[in-house]
PDB file of N, CA and C in Angstrom:
ATOM      1  N   UNK A   1     -10.644  13.556   1.311  1.00  0.00           N
ATOM      2  CA  UNK A   1      -9.097  11.952   1.403  1.00  0.00           C
ATOM      3  C   UNK A   1      -9.101  11.808   2.686  1.00  0.00           C
ATOM      4  N   UNK A   2      -8.519  10.556   2.827  1.00  0.00           N
ATOM      5  CA  UNK A   2      -8.147  10.014   3.570  1.00  0.00           C
ATOM      6  C   UNK A   2      -7.080   9.482   4.382  1.00  0.00           C
ATOM      7  N   UNK A   3      -7.105   9.058   5.381  1.00  0.00           N
ATOM      8  CA  UNK A   3      -5.887   8.739   5.953  1.00  0.00           C
ATOM      9  C   UNK A   3      -4.811   8.575   5.582  1.00  0.00           C
ATOM     10  N   UNK A   4      -4.255   7.567   4.944  1.00  0.00           N
ATOM     11  CA  UNK A   4      -3.339   7.078   4.247  1.00  0.00           C
ATOM     12  C   UNK A   4      -3.196   8.010   2.896  1.00  0.00           C
ATOM     13  N   UNK A   5      -1.603   9.014   3.012  1.00  0.00           N
ATOM     14  CA  UNK A   5      -1.797   9.078   1.730  1.00  0.00           C
ATOM     15  C   UNK A   5      -1.427   8.136   0.849  1.00  0.00           C
ATOM     16  N   UNK A   6       0.190   7.551   1.736  1.00  0.00           N
ATOM     17  CA  UNK A   6       0.951   6.875  -0.032  1.00  0.00           C
ATOM     18  C   UNK A   6       1.623   5.704   0.827  1.00  0.00           C
ATOM     19  N   UNK A   7       1.968   4.662   0.145  1.00  0.00           N
ATOM     20  CA  UNK A   7       3.260   3.631   1.192  1.00  0.00           C
ATOM     21  C   UNK A   7       4.538   4.195   0.697  1.00  0.00           C
ATOM     22  N   UNK A   8       5.635   3.847   1.655  1.00  0.00           N
ATOM     23  CA  UNK A   8       6.550   4.546   1.177  1.00  0.00           C
ATOM     24  C   UNK A   8       7.920   3.045   1.198  1.00  0.00           C
ATOM     25  N   UNK A   9       7.863   3.922  -0.418  1.00  0.00           N
ATOM     26  CA  UNK A   9       8.456   2.354  -0.796  1.00  0.00           C
ATOM     27  C   UNK A   9      10.293   2.685  -1.116  1.00  0.00           C
ATOM     28  N   UNK A  10      11.027   2.625  -0.752  1.00  0.00           N
ATOM     29  CA  UNK A  10      12.329   3.494  -0.280  1.00  0.00           C
ATOM     30  C   UNK A  10      13.025   2.625  -0.497  1.00  0.00           C
ATOM     31  N   UNK A  11      14.513   2.860  -0.481  1.00  0.00           N
ATOM     32  CA  UNK A  11      16.148   2.019   0.125  1.00  0.00           C
ATOM     33  C   UNK A  11      16.181   1.489   1.291  1.00  0.00           C
ATOM     34  N   UNK A  12      15.933   1.828   2.339  1.00  0.00           N
ATOM     35  CA  UNK A  12      16.113   2.027   3.755  1.00  0.00           C
ATOM     36  C   UNK A  12      14.253   1.558   3.907  1.00  0.00           C
ATOM     37  N   UNK A  13      13.280   2.031   4.211  1.00  0.00           N
ATOM     38  CA  UNK A  13      12.009   0.688   3.658  1.00  0.00           C
ATOM     39  C   UNK A  13      12.491  -0.446   3.978  1.00  0.00           C
ATOM     40  N   UNK A  14      12.719  -0.489   2.257  1.00  0.00           N
ATOM     41  CA  UNK A  14      12.793  -1.866   1.905  1.00  0.00           C
ATOM     42  C   UNK A  14      13.813  -3.179   2.857  1.00  0.00           C
ATOM     43  N   UNK A  15      14.908  -2.458   3.271  1.00  0.00           N
ATOM     44  CA  UNK A  15      15.811  -2.922   4.053  1.00  0.00           C
ATOM     45  C   UNK A  15      15.158  -2.873   5.037  1.00  0.00           C
ATOM     46  N   UNK A  16      14.248  -2.346   5.888  1.00  0.00           N
ATOM     47  CA  UNK A  16      13.381  -2.527   6.832  1.00  0.00           C
ATOM     48  C   UNK A  16      13.077  -3.793   7.077  1.00  0.00           C
ATOM     49  N   UNK A  17      12.112  -3.827   5.634  1.00  0.00           N
ATOM     50  CA  UNK A  17      10.796  -4.960   5.736  1.00  0.00           C
ATOM     51  C   UNK A  17      11.504  -6.179   5.367  1.00  0.00           C
ATOM     52  N   UNK A  18      12.936  -5.996   4.749  1.00  0.00           N
ATOM     53  CA  UNK A  18      13.695  -7.497   4.984  1.00  0.00           C
ATOM     54  C   UNK A  18      13.672  -8.147   6.106  1.00  0.00           C
ATOM     55  N   UNK A  19      14.630  -6.987   6.618  1.00  0.00           N
ATOM     56  CA  UNK A  19      14.663  -7.270   8.262  1.00  0.00           C
ATOM     57  C   UNK A  19      13.656  -7.650   8.591  1.00  0.00           C
ATOM     58  N   UNK A  20      12.727  -7.248   9.019  1.00  0.00           N
ATOM     59  CA  UNK A  20      11.681  -7.746   9.479  1.00  0.00           C
ATOM     60  C   UNK A  20      10.125  -8.291   8.170  1.00  0.00           C
ATOM     61  N   UNK A  21       9.636  -8.926   8.101  1.00  0.00           N
ATOM     62  CA  UNK A  21       8.740  -8.873   6.890  1.00  0.00           C
ATOM     63  C   UNK A  21       7.647  -8.438   6.710  1.00  0.00           C
ATOM     64  N   UNK A  22       6.762  -7.915   8.167  1.00  0.00           N
ATOM     65  CA  UNK A  22       5.840  -7.661   8.657  1.00  0.00           C
ATOM     66  C   UNK A  22       5.677  -6.289   8.853  1.00  0.00           C
ATOM     67  N   UNK A  23       6.213  -5.564   8.831  1.00  0.00           N
ATOM     68  CA  UNK A  23       7.116  -4.155   8.989  1.00  0.00           C
ATOM     69  C   UNK A  23       6.623  -3.182   7.861  1.00  0.00           C
ATOM     70  N   UNK A  24       5.550  -1.943   7.347  1.00  0.00           N
ATOM     71  CA  UNK A  24       5.272  -1.568   6.639  1.00  0.00           C
ATOM     72  C   UNK A  24       5.566  -0.236   7.048  1.00  0.00           C
ATOM     73  N   UNK A  25       5.616   0.971   5.980  1.00  0.00           N
ATOM     74  CA  UNK A  25       5.652   2.414   5.992  1.00  0.00           C
ATOM     75  C   UNK A  25       4.759   3.076   5.006  1.00  0.00           C
ATOM     76  N   UNK A  26       4.392   4.617   5.985  1.00  0.00           N
ATOM     77  CA  UNK A  26       2.968   4.909   4.941  1.00  0.00           C
ATOM     78  C   UNK A  26       3.217   6.309   5.652  1.00  0.00           C
ATOM     79  N   UNK A  27       2.796   6.808   4.467  1.00  0.00           N
ATOM     80  CA  UNK A  27       2.859   8.680   4.860  1.00  0.00           C
ATOM     81  C   UNK A  27       1.176   8.545   4.866  1.00  0.00           C
ATOM     82  N   UNK A  28       1.294   9.429   5.752  1.00  0.00           N
ATOM     83  CA  UNK A  28      -0.192   9.631   6.992  1.00  0.00           C
ATOM     84  C   UNK A  28      -1.048  11.122   6.721  1.00  0.00           C
ATOM     85  N   UNK A  29      -1.811  11.712   6.753  1.00  0.00           N
ATOM     86  CA  UNK A  29      -2.345  12.784   7.330  1.00  0.00           C
ATOM     87  C   UNK A  29      -1.468  13.194   8.730  1.00  0.00           C
ATOM     88  N   UNK A  30      -1.079  14.859   8.675  1.00  0.00           N
ATOM     89  CA  UNK A  30      -0.366  14.813   9.688  1.00  0.00           C
ATOM     90  C   UNK A  30      -1.208  14.723  10.904  1.00  0.00           C
ATOM     91  N   UNK A  31      -2.944  15.003  10.839  1.00  0.00           N
ATOM     92  CA  UNK A  31      -3.708  15.257  12.666  1.00  0.00           C
ATOM     93  C   UNK A  31      -4.141  13.426  12.725  1.00  0.00           C
ATOM     94  N   UNK A  32      -3.452  12.162  12.085  1.00  0.00           N
ATOM     95  CA  UNK A  32      -4.042  11.264  12.284  1.00  0.00           C
ATOM     96  C   UNK A  32      -3.643  10.573  13.765  1.00  0.00           C
ATOM     97  N   UNK A  33      -4.177  10.065  14.568  1.00  0.00           N
ATOM     98  CA  UNK A  33      -3.379   9.074  15.897  1.00  0.00           C
ATOM     99  C   UNK A  33      -3.761   7.351  15.100  1.00  0.00           C
ATOM    100  N   UNK A  34      -2.773   6.421  16.057  1.00  0.00           N
ATOM    101  CA  UNK A  34      -2.537   5.705  16.196  1.00  0.00           C
ATOM    102  C   UNK A  34      -4.033   4.610  15.958  1.00  0.00           C
ATOM    103  N   UNK A  35      -4.337   5.189  16.561  1.00  0.00           N
ATOM    104  CA  UNK A  35      -6.339   4.397  16.167  1.00  0.00           C
ATOM    105  C   UNK A  35      -6.766   4.121  15.009  1.00  0.00           C
ATOM    106  N   UNK A  36      -6.935   5.940  14.106  1.00  0.00           N
ATOM    107  CA  UNK A  36      -7.235   6.179  13.203  1.00  0.00           C
ATOM    108  C   UNK A  36      -6.135   4.917  12.132  1.00  0.00           C
ATOM    109  N   UNK A  37      -4.904   5.698  12.264  1.00  0.00           N
ATOM    110  CA  UNK A  37      -3.840   4.519  11.449  1.00  0.00           C
ATOM    111  C   UNK A  37      -4.433   3.102  10.831  1.00  0.00           C
ATOM    112  N   UNK A  38      -4.595   2.610  12.699  1.00  0.00           N
ATOM    113  CA  UNK A  38      -4.237   0.853  12.508  1.00  0.00           C
ATOM    114  C   UNK A  38      -6.203   1.069  11.338  1.00  0.00           C
ATOM    115  N   UNK A  39      -7.178   1.555  12.112  1.00  0.00           N
ATOM    116  CA  UNK A  39      -8.179   1.022  11.754  1.00  0.00           C
ATOM    117  C   UNK A  39      -8.485   0.830   9.770  1.00  0.00           C
ATOM    118  N   UNK A  40      -7.832   2.462   9.229  1.00  0.00           N
ATOM    119  CA  UNK A  40      -7.337   2.380   7.621  1.00  0.00           C
ATOM    120  C   UNK A  40      -6.613   1.486   7.391  1.00  0.00           C
ATOM    121  N   UNK A  41      -5.591   1.498   7.824  1.00  0.00           N
ATOM    122  CA  UNK A  41      -4.462  -0.208   6.865  1.00  0.00           C
ATOM    123  C   UNK A  41      -5.310  -1.148   7.083  1.00  0.00           C
ATOM    124  N   UNK A  42      -6.023  -1.305   8.107  1.00  0.00           N
ATOM    125  CA  UNK A  42      -7.039  -2.853   8.179  1.00  0.00           C
ATOM    126  C   UNK A  42      -8.072  -3.171   7.529  1.00  0.00           C
ATOM    127  N   UNK A  43      -8.572  -1.786   7.413  1.00  0.00           N
ATOM    128  CA  UNK A  43      -9.705  -1.700   6.248  1.00  0.00           C
ATOM    129  C   UNK A  43      -9.528  -1.698   4.990  1.00  0.00           C
ATOM    130  N   UNK A  44      -7.993  -1.423   4.508  1.00  0.00           N
ATOM    131  CA  UNK A  44      -7.876  -0.971   3.119  1.00  0.00           C
ATOM    132  C   UNK A  44      -7.134  -2.030   2.518  1.00  0.00           C
ATOM    133  N   UNK A  45      -6.127  -2.667   3.484  1.00  0.00           N
ATOM    134  CA  UNK A  45      -5.886  -3.809   3.065  1.00  0.00           C
ATOM    135  C   UNK A  45      -6.043  -5.308   3.569  1.00  0.00           C
ATOM    136  N   UNK A  46      -6.700  -5.653   4.457  1.00  0.00           N
ATOM    137  CA  UNK A  46      -7.460  -6.400   4.848  1.00  0.00           C
ATOM    138  C   UNK A  46      -6.531  -7.081   5.429  1.00  0.00           C
ATOM    139  N   UNK A  47      -5.864  -6.764   6.826  1.00  0.00           N
ATOM    140  CA  UNK A  47      -4.398  -7.403   7.535  1.00  0.00           C
ATOM    141  C   UNK A  47      -4.760  -6.804   8.869  1.00  0.00           C
ATOM    142  N   UNK A  48      -4.385  -8.212   9.997  1.00  0.00           N
ATOM    143  CA  UNK A  48      -4.345  -7.582  11.476  1.00  0.00           C
ATOM    144  C   UNK A  48      -3.433  -6.449  12.069  1.00  0.00           C
ATOM    145  N   UNK A  49      -3.528  -5.301  12.637  1.00  0.00           N
ATOM    146  CA  UNK A  49      -2.723  -4.740  12.865  1.00  0.00           C
ATOM    147  C   UNK A  49      -1.813  -4.490  13.953  1.00  0.00           C
ATOM    148  N   UNK A  50      -0.827  -4.481  14.268  1.00  0.00           N
ATOM    149  CA  UNK A  50      -0.227  -5.465  15.599  1.00  0.00           C
ATOM    150  C   UNK A  50      -0.048  -4.236  15.777  1.00  0.00           C
ATOM    151  N   UNK A  51       0.903  -3.170  15.957  1.00  0.00           N
ATOM    152  CA  UNK A  51       1.479  -2.287  16.278  1.00  0.00           C
ATOM    153  C   UNK A  51       1.314  -0.952  15.332  1.00  0.00           C
ATOM    154  N   UNK A  52       1.446   0.612  16.295  1.00  0.00           N
ATOM    155  CA  UNK A  52       1.557   1.235  15.051  1.00  0.00           C
ATOM    156  C   UNK A  52       2.583   2.381  15.477  1.00  0.00           C
ATOM    157  N   UNK A  53       3.342   3.004  14.945  1.00  0.00           N
ATOM    158  CA  UNK A  53       5.017   4.205  15.146  1.00  0.00           C
ATOM    159  C   UNK A  53       4.631   4.867  14.336  1.00  0.00           C
ATOM    160  N   UNK A  54       5.086   5.756  14.986  1.00  0.00           N
ATOM    161  CA  UNK A  54       4.320   7.562  14.179  1.00  0.00           C
ATOM    162  C   UNK A  54       5.836   8.391  14.125  1.00  0.00           C
ATOM    163  N   UNK A  55       6.187   8.792  13.509  1.00  0.00           N
ATOM    164  CA  UNK A  55       6.825   9.614  13.634  1.00  0.00           C
ATOM    165  C   UNK A  55       6.815  11.258  12.550  1.00  0.00           C
ATOM    166  N   UNK A  56       6.904  12.585  12.740  1.00  0.00           N
ATOM    167  CA  UNK A  56       6.782  14.060  12.695  1.00  0.00           C
ATOM    168  C   UNK A  56       7.620  14.075  11.896  1.00  0.00           C
ATOM    169  N   UNK A  57       7.907  14.327  10.890  1.00  0.00           N
ATOM    170  CA  UNK A  57       9.170  15.081   9.899  1.00  0.00           C
ATOM    171  C   UNK A  57       8.425  17.160   9.805  1.00  0.00           C
ATOM    172  N   UNK A  58       9.545  17.715  10.673  1.00  0.00           N
ATOM    173  CA  UNK A  58       9.442  19.116   9.985  1.00  0.00           C
ATOM    174  C   UNK A  58       9.824  19.399   8.148  1.00  0.00           C
ATOM    175  N   UNK A  59       9.573  20.637   7.461  1.00  0.00           N
ATOM    176  CA  UNK A  59       9.925  20.885   6.893  1.00  0.00           C
ATOM    177  C   UNK A  59      11.037  21.659   6.977  1.00  0.00           C
ATOM    178  N   UNK A  60      11.853  21.233   5.469  1.00  0.00           N
ATOM    179  CA  UNK A  60      13.383  21.753   5.999  1.00  0.00           C
ATOM    180  C   UNK A  60      13.463  22.730   4.896  1.00  0.00           C
ATOM    181  N   UNK A  61      14.209  23.573   5.087  1.00  0.00           N
ATOM    182  CA  UNK A  61      14.851  25.038   4.086  1.00  0.00           C
ATOM    183  C   UNK A  61      16.202  23.589   2.722  1.00  0.00           C
ATOM    184  N   UNK A  62      15.646  24.368   1.264  1.00  0.00           N
ATOM    185  CA  UNK A  62      16.345  23.681   0.818  1.00  0.00           C
ATOM    186  C   UNK A  62      17.009  25.085  -0.101  1.00  0.00           C
ATOM    187  N   UNK A  63      18.317  25.144  -0.853  1.00  0.00           N
ATOM    188  CA  UNK A  63      18.520  26.050  -1.924  1.00  0.00           C
ATOM    189  C   UNK A  63      18.871  25.290  -2.758  1.00  0.00           C
ATOM    190  N   UNK A  64      18.662  25.995  -4.010  1.00  0.00           N
ATOM    191  CA  UNK A  64      19.737  25.931  -5.322  1.00  0.00           C
ATOM    192  C   UNK A  64      20.068  26.940  -6.088  1.00  0.00           C
ATOM    193  N   UNK A  65      21.513  26.568  -6.918  1.00  0.00           N
ATOM    194  CA  UNK A  65      21.780  27.480  -7.667  1.00  0.00           C
ATOM    195  C   UNK A  65      21.694  27.250  -8.584  1.00  0.00           C
ATOM    196  N   UNK A  66      21.633  27.964  -9.321  1.00  0.00           N
ATOM    197  CA  UNK A  66      21.087  27.841 -10.798  1.00  0.00           C
ATOM    198  C   UNK A  66      21.426  28.763 -11.623  1.00  0.00           C
ATOM    199  N   UNK A  67      21.391  29.557 -13.017  1.00  0.00           N
ATOM    200  CA  UNK A  67      21.885  30.483 -13.977  1.00  0.00           C
ATOM    201  C   UNK A  67      21.459  31.713 -13.593  1.00  0.00           C
ATOM    202  N   UNK A  68      20.764  31.931 -13.121  1.00  0.00           N
ATOM    203  CA  UNK A  68      19.611  33.176 -12.812  1.00  0.00           C
ATOM    204  C   UNK A  68      19.584  33.574 -11.002  1.00  0.00           C
ATOM    205  N   UNK A  69      20.909  32.723 -10.208  1.00  0.00           N
ATOM    206  CA  UNK A  69      20.573  33.357  -8.642  1.00  0.00           C
ATOM    207  C   UNK A  69      19.925  32.177  -8.185  1.00  0.00           C
ATOM    208  N   UNK A  70      20.461  32.252  -6.701  1.00  0.00           N
ATOM    209  CA  UNK A  70      19.988  31.323  -5.961  1.00  0.00           C
ATOM    210  C   UNK A  70      18.392  31.412  -5.478  1.00  0.00           C
ATOM    211  N   UNK A  71      17.970  29.189  -5.609  1.00  0.00           N
ATOM    212  CA  UNK A  71      16.217  29.746  -5.929  1.00  0.00           C
ATOM    213  C   UNK A  71      16.517  29.107  -4.139  1.00  0.00           C
ATOM    214  N   UNK A  72      15.412  29.856  -3.252  1.00  0.00           N
ATOM    215  CA  UNK A  72      14.955  29.412  -1.969  1.00  0.00           C
ATOM    216  C   UNK A  72      13.826  28.668  -2.016  1.00  0.00           C
ATOM    217  N   UNK A  73      13.062  27.261  -1.421  1.00  0.00           N
ATOM    218  CA  UNK A  73      12.160  27.286  -0.608  1.00  0.00           C
ATOM    219  C   UNK A  73      12.768  26.184   0.450  1.00  0.00           C
ATOM    220  N   UNK A  74      11.581  25.195   0.449  1.00  0.00           N
ATOM    221  CA  UNK A  74      10.772  24.594   1.900  1.00  0.00           C
ATOM    222  C   UNK A  74      10.757  23.141   1.323  1.00  0.00           C
ATOM    223  N   UNK A  75      10.690  22.078   2.223  1.00  0.00           N
ATOM    224  CA  UNK A  75      10.277  21.093   1.893  1.00  0.00           C
ATOM    225  C   UNK A  75       8.853  21.090   2.579  1.00  0.00           C
ATOM    226  N   UNK A  76       7.951  20.642   2.336  1.00  0.00           N
ATOM    227  CA  UNK A  76       6.721  20.009   3.490  1.00  0.00           C
ATOM    228  C   UNK A  76       7.132  19.035   4.633  1.00  0.00           C
ATOM    229  N   UNK A  77       6.332  19.829   5.408  1.00  0.00           N
ATOM    230  CA  UNK A  77       6.599  18.471   6.340  1.00  0.00           C
ATOM    231  C   UNK A  77       5.469  17.425   6.788  1.00  0.00           C
ATOM    232  N   UNK A  78       5.449  16.222   7.155  1.00  0.00           N
ATOM    233  CA  UNK A  78       5.002  14.869   6.666  1.00  0.00           C
ATOM    234  C   UNK A  78       5.013  14.200   8.239  1.00  0.00           C
ATOM    235  N   UNK A  79       3.996  13.756   8.270  1.00  0.00           N
ATOM    236  CA  UNK A  79       3.759  12.178   9.262  1.00  0.00           C
ATOM    237  C   UNK A  79       4.074  10.924   8.556  1.00  0.00           C
ATOM    238  N   UNK A  80       4.722  10.239   9.164  1.00  0.00           N
ATOM    239  CA  UNK A  80       5.430   8.842   8.413  1.00  0.00           C
ATOM    240  C   UNK A  80       4.717   7.642   9.813  1.00  0.00           C
ATOM    241  N   UNK A  81       4.431   6.317   9.174  1.00  0.00           N
ATOM    242  CA  UNK A  81       3.652   5.356  10.289  1.00  0.00           C
ATOM    243  C   UNK A  81       4.498   4.604   9.863  1.00  0.00           C
ATOM    244  N   UNK A  82       5.036   3.782  10.901  1.00  0.00           N
ATOM    245  CA  UNK A  82       5.579   2.331  10.876  1.00  0.00           C
ATOM    246  C   UNK A  82       4.169   1.299  10.934  1.00  0.00           C
ATOM    247  N   UNK A  83       3.947   0.723  10.390  1.00  0.00           N
ATOM    248  CA  UNK A  83       3.025  -0.618  10.736  1.00  0.00           C
ATOM    249  C   UNK A  83       3.717  -2.182  11.071  1.00  0.00           C
ATOM    250  N   UNK A  84       3.539  -2.537  11.847  1.00  0.00           N
ATOM    251  CA  UNK A  84       3.392  -4.182  12.022  1.00  0.00           C
ATOM    252  C   UNK A  84       2.151  -4.474  12.330  1.00  0.00           C
ATOM    253  N   UNK A  85       2.147  -5.934  10.972  1.00  0.00           N
ATOM    254  CA  UNK A  85       1.410  -6.666  10.864  1.00  0.00           C
ATOM    255  C   UNK A  85       1.491  -7.947  11.915  1.00  0.00           C
ATOM    256  N   UNK A  86       0.647  -8.796  11.828  1.00  0.00           N
ATOM    257  CA  UNK A  86       0.249  -9.467  12.600  1.00  0.00           C
ATOM    258  C   UNK A  86       1.408 -11.065  12.083  1.00  0.00           C
ATOM    259  N   UNK A  87       1.804 -12.089  12.881  1.00  0.00           N
ATOM    260  CA  UNK A  87       2.694 -12.668  12.044  1.00  0.00           C
ATOM    261  C   UNK A  87       2.296 -12.934  10.784  1.00  0.00           C
ATOM    262  N   UNK A  88       1.461 -13.832   9.918  1.00  0.00           N
ATOM    263  CA  UNK A  88       1.326 -14.113   8.696  1.00  0.00           C
ATOM    264  C   UNK A  88       1.217 -13.251   7.742  1.00  0.00           C
ATOM    265  N   UNK A  89       0.580 -12.362   8.172  1.00  0.00           N
ATOM    266  CA  UNK A  89      -0.111 -11.325   7.451  1.00  0.00           C
ATOM    267  C   UNK A  89       1.328 -10.511   6.634  1.00  0.00           C
ATOM    268  N   UNK A  90       0.714  -9.950   5.269  1.00  0.00           N
ATOM    269  CA  UNK A  90       1.495  -8.828   4.662  1.00  0.00           C
ATOM    270  C   UNK A  90       1.316  -8.711   3.538  1.00  0.00           C
ATOM    271  N   UNK A  91       1.705  -7.173   3.688  1.00  0.00           N
ATOM    272  CA  UNK A  91       1.325  -6.594   2.216  1.00  0.00           C
ATOM    273  C   UNK A  91       2.119  -5.920   0.972  1.00  0.00           C
ATOM    274  N   UNK A  92       0.968  -6.446  -0.473  1.00  0.00           N
ATOM    275  CA  UNK A  92       1.848  -6.276  -1.736  1.00  0.00           C
ATOM    276  C   UNK A  92       1.528  -5.487  -2.887  1.00  0.00           C
ATOM    277  N   UNK A  93       2.260  -4.337  -2.377  1.00  0.00           N
ATOM    278  CA  UNK A  93       1.947  -2.724  -3.579  1.00  0.00           C
ATOM    279  C   UNK A  93       1.951  -3.373  -5.054  1.00  0.00           C
ATOM    280  N   UNK A  94       2.384  -4.231  -5.127  1.00  0.00           N
ATOM    281  CA  UNK A  94       2.611  -3.890  -6.761  1.00  0.00           C
ATOM    282  C   UNK A  94       1.729  -5.166  -6.992  1.00  0.00           C
ATOM    283  N   UNK A  95       0.672  -6.030  -6.130  1.00  0.00           N
ATOM    284  CA  UNK A  95      -0.065  -6.934  -6.893  1.00  0.00           C
ATOM    285  C   UNK A  95      -0.886  -6.097  -8.155  1.00  0.00           C
ATOM    286  N   UNK A  96      -1.287  -5.212  -8.163  1.00  0.00           N
ATOM    287  CA  UNK A  96      -2.371  -4.194  -9.331  1.00  0.00           C
ATOM    288  C   UNK A  96      -1.880  -3.782 -10.308  1.00  0.00           C
ATOM    289  N   UNK A  97      -0.227  -4.019 -10.570  1.00  0.00           N
ATOM    290  CA  UNK A  97       0.249  -3.530 -11.637  1.00  0.00           C
ATOM    291  C   UNK A  97       0.290  -3.886 -13.114  1.00  0.00           C
TER     292      UNK A  97
END
């Protein structure tokens, strides 16, 4: 499996991209470092990466009440990378739909 798991396309990330059009979010492998993320983005999307910021999210406990009682579970922990591209570069996630 590659370093990049999937791009993050949420309302919050779309707002960040509209404010600064050269920033994109990706969910990445937890053991990946910034240089590996940079190289993976550059080879996959053919762009020049200027900066990479990473964030580690811990898994959170969740509970849900059903007819049969409370169901307890846990969300997965994951790592998120915010990638800043060089001036004129952009990534189109919906080009192959």
